Amino acid sequence: TFRRRAWCRAELTACWARNGSDGMYYSTNSGLKPLAPNRPRDALDVFGGDLTCCAKCHPDGQACDKELLVLPMLGLFDEIYRDRNGTKADAWTTIERRGLDKLYPKTFLWTRTADDVQTRPLFGDLIAACMASRDAAA
């Protein structure tokens, strides 16, 4: 389903973090239903979601979509962290509970074949650097 796919999780996370869940709905056979306030939290693990490139073992050695998601998710993290004591307090609390290392992993396993599995950088120290930069500016 859409909630298992990493790109869909990224979209849900971005919408929820910026706007809250009050204006979010999901479609059923009987029409639109409001998204429960805690429902987007299931989708916060963007990097634990399914990606076609991973399922196909990165044909021709292509980059992983996880790598493409780093910059937009880092930007969203920075926005949430900046406003963590104000409008983004709910999002920040949820991220803290779920764990920064889980939601923003430092590395990931890139797989080409069973014999070609590499540990590659993802966020590395970017989350800590983002937080330190914001804290220093405060």
Protein backbone atom coordinates (compact mmCIF):
# COMPACT_ATOMS: atom_id res chain seq x y z
CA THR A 1 0.00 0.00 0.00
CA PHE A 2 0.98 3.64 -0.24
CA ARG A 3 1.93 3.77 3.45
CA ARG A 4 4.67 1.18 2.95
CA ARG A 5 6.36 3.12 0.13
CA ALA A 6 9.16 5.47 1.20
CA TRP A 7 8.25 8.30 -1.19
CA CYS A 8 4.63 8.23 0.00
CA ARG A 9 5.80 8.22 3.60
CA ALA A 10 7.93 11.28 2.83
CA GLU A 11 4.90 13.10 1.40
CA LEU A 12 2.73 12.18 4.37
CA THR A 13 5.43 13.19 6.83
CA ALA A 14 5.97 16.55 5.14
CA CYS A 15 2.27 17.38 5.01
CA TRP A 16 1.68 16.29 8.60
CA ALA A 17 4.74 18.08 10.00
CA ARG A 18 3.91 21.34 8.26
CA ASN A 19 0.12 21.36 8.63
CA GLY A 20 -0.91 18.87 11.30
CA SER A 21 -3.43 16.13 10.57
CA ASP A 22 -6.60 18.24 10.87
CA GLY A 23 -6.87 18.80 7.11
CA MET A 24 -5.69 15.35 6.07
CA TYR A 25 -8.06 12.67 4.78
CA TYR A 26 -7.85 9.20 3.31
CA SER A 27 -10.09 7.59 0.74
CA THR A 28 -12.23 4.53 1.39
CA ASN A 29 -14.94 2.81 -0.63
CA SER A 30 -17.48 4.83 1.35
CA GLY A 31 -15.78 8.19 0.77
CA LEU A 32 -13.21 10.40 2.49
CA LYS A 33 -12.48 9.97 6.18
CA PRO A 34 -10.42 12.24 8.41
CA LEU A 35 -6.96 11.00 9.22
CA ALA A 36 -6.65 10.20 12.91
CA PRO A 37 -4.17 12.52 14.66
CA ASN A 38 -1.73 9.68 15.36
CA ARG A 39 -2.05 7.95 12.00
CA PRO A 40 0.72 9.85 10.15
CA ARG A 41 3.11 8.77 12.88
CA ASP A 42 3.06 5.28 11.37
CA ALA A 43 4.60 6.76 8.23
CA LEU A 44 7.39 8.74 9.91
CA ASP A 45 9.93 6.00 9.26
CA VAL A 46 10.54 7.17 5.71
CA PHE A 47 13.84 5.32 5.37
CA GLY A 48 12.27 2.07 6.55
CA GLY A 49 9.81 2.23 3.67
CA ASP A 50 9.86 0.21 0.47
CA LEU A 51 11.73 1.52 -2.58
CA THR A 52 11.67 0.07 -6.09
CA CYS A 53 15.41 0.61 -6.51
CA CYS A 54 16.10 -1.54 -3.43
CA ALA A 55 13.65 -4.23 -4.56
CA LYS A 56 15.46 -4.39 -7.92
CA CYS A 57 18.90 -4.41 -6.22
CA HIS A 58 20.01 -1.12 -7.79
CA PRO A 59 20.39 -2.18 -11.43
CA ASP A 60 23.51 -0.88 -13.19
CA GLY A 61 24.82 0.27 -9.80
CA GLN A 62 22.35 3.15 -9.62
CA ALA A 63 22.14 5.33 -6.54
CA CYS A 64 19.51 4.49 -3.97
CA ASP A 65 16.44 6.68 -3.61
CA LYS A 66 17.28 6.87 0.10
CA GLU A 67 20.21 9.05 -0.92
CA LEU A 68 17.88 11.29 -2.95
CA LEU A 69 15.58 11.71 0.05
CA VAL A 70 18.30 13.00 2.39
CA LEU A 71 18.23 16.69 1.39
CA PRO A 72 14.44 17.15 1.43
CA MET A 73 14.12 15.25 4.72
CA LEU A 74 17.01 17.23 6.22
CA GLY A 75 15.27 20.46 5.23
CA LEU A 76 12.06 19.27 6.84
CA PHE A 77 13.96 18.22 9.96
CA ASP A 78 15.58 21.66 10.18
CA GLU A 79 12.17 23.32 9.96
CA ILE A 80 10.74 21.08 12.70
CA TYR A 81 13.77 21.56 14.95
CA ARG A 82 13.72 25.34 14.45
CA ASP A 83 10.08 25.54 15.57
CA ARG A 84 10.21 22.68 18.11
CA ASN A 85 9.04 24.92 20.96
CA GLY A 86 6.24 26.48 18.94
CA THR A 87 4.15 25.39 15.99
CA LYS A 88 6.09 22.16 15.42
CA ALA A 89 6.10 20.98 19.06
CA ASP A 90 3.90 17.95 18.31
CA ALA A 91 6.07 16.89 15.38
CA TRP A 92 9.26 17.33 17.43
CA THR A 93 7.88 15.33 20.36
CA THR A 94 6.89 12.52 18.03
CA ILE A 95 10.32 12.48 16.36
CA GLU A 96 12.06 12.40 19.74
CA ARG A 97 9.89 9.47 20.87
CA ARG A 98 10.54 7.51 17.69
CA GLY A 99 14.28 8.20 17.86
CA LEU A 100 16.50 10.40 15.71
CA ASP A 101 18.79 7.52 14.71
CA LYS A 102 15.84 5.42 13.56
CA LEU A 103 14.15 8.16 11.55
CA TYR A 104 17.35 9.76 10.24
CA PRO A 105 19.86 6.88 9.96
CA LYS A 106 23.56 7.69 9.73
CA THR A 107 24.15 4.86 7.22
CA PHE A 108 22.22 2.30 5.19
CA LEU A 109 22.88 -0.98 3.40
CA TRP A 110 23.03 -0.65 -0.38
CA THR A 111 22.54 -4.03 -2.03
CA ARG A 112 23.45 -4.98 -5.56
CA THR A 113 23.66 -8.75 -5.13
CA ALA A 114 23.92 -11.12 -2.19
CA ASP A 115 27.70 -10.75 -2.48
CA ASP A 116 27.68 -6.98 -3.04
CA VAL A 117 26.24 -5.31 0.07
CA GLN A 118 27.80 -2.01 1.06
CA THR A 119 27.33 0.23 4.08
CA ARG A 120 26.90 3.71 2.66
CA PRO A 121 26.50 7.06 4.39
CA LEU A 122 23.04 8.55 4.66
CA PHE A 123 22.66 11.36 7.20
CA GLY A 124 25.99 10.81 8.91
CA ASP A 125 26.43 13.70 11.33
CA LEU A 126 24.09 16.07 9.45
CA ILE A 127 21.30 15.88 12.04
CA ALA A 128 23.67 16.68 14.91
CA ALA A 129 25.23 19.51 12.87
CA CYS A 130 21.80 20.93 12.05
CA MET A 131 20.80 20.89 15.71
CA ALA A 132 24.12 22.42 16.83
CA SER A 133 23.81 25.19 14.24
CA ARG A 134 20.26 26.04 15.33
CA ASP A 135 21.23 25.90 19.04
CA ALA A 136 24.21 28.19 18.47
CA ALA A 137 22.04 30.72 16.63
CA ALA A 138 19.47 30.81 19.45
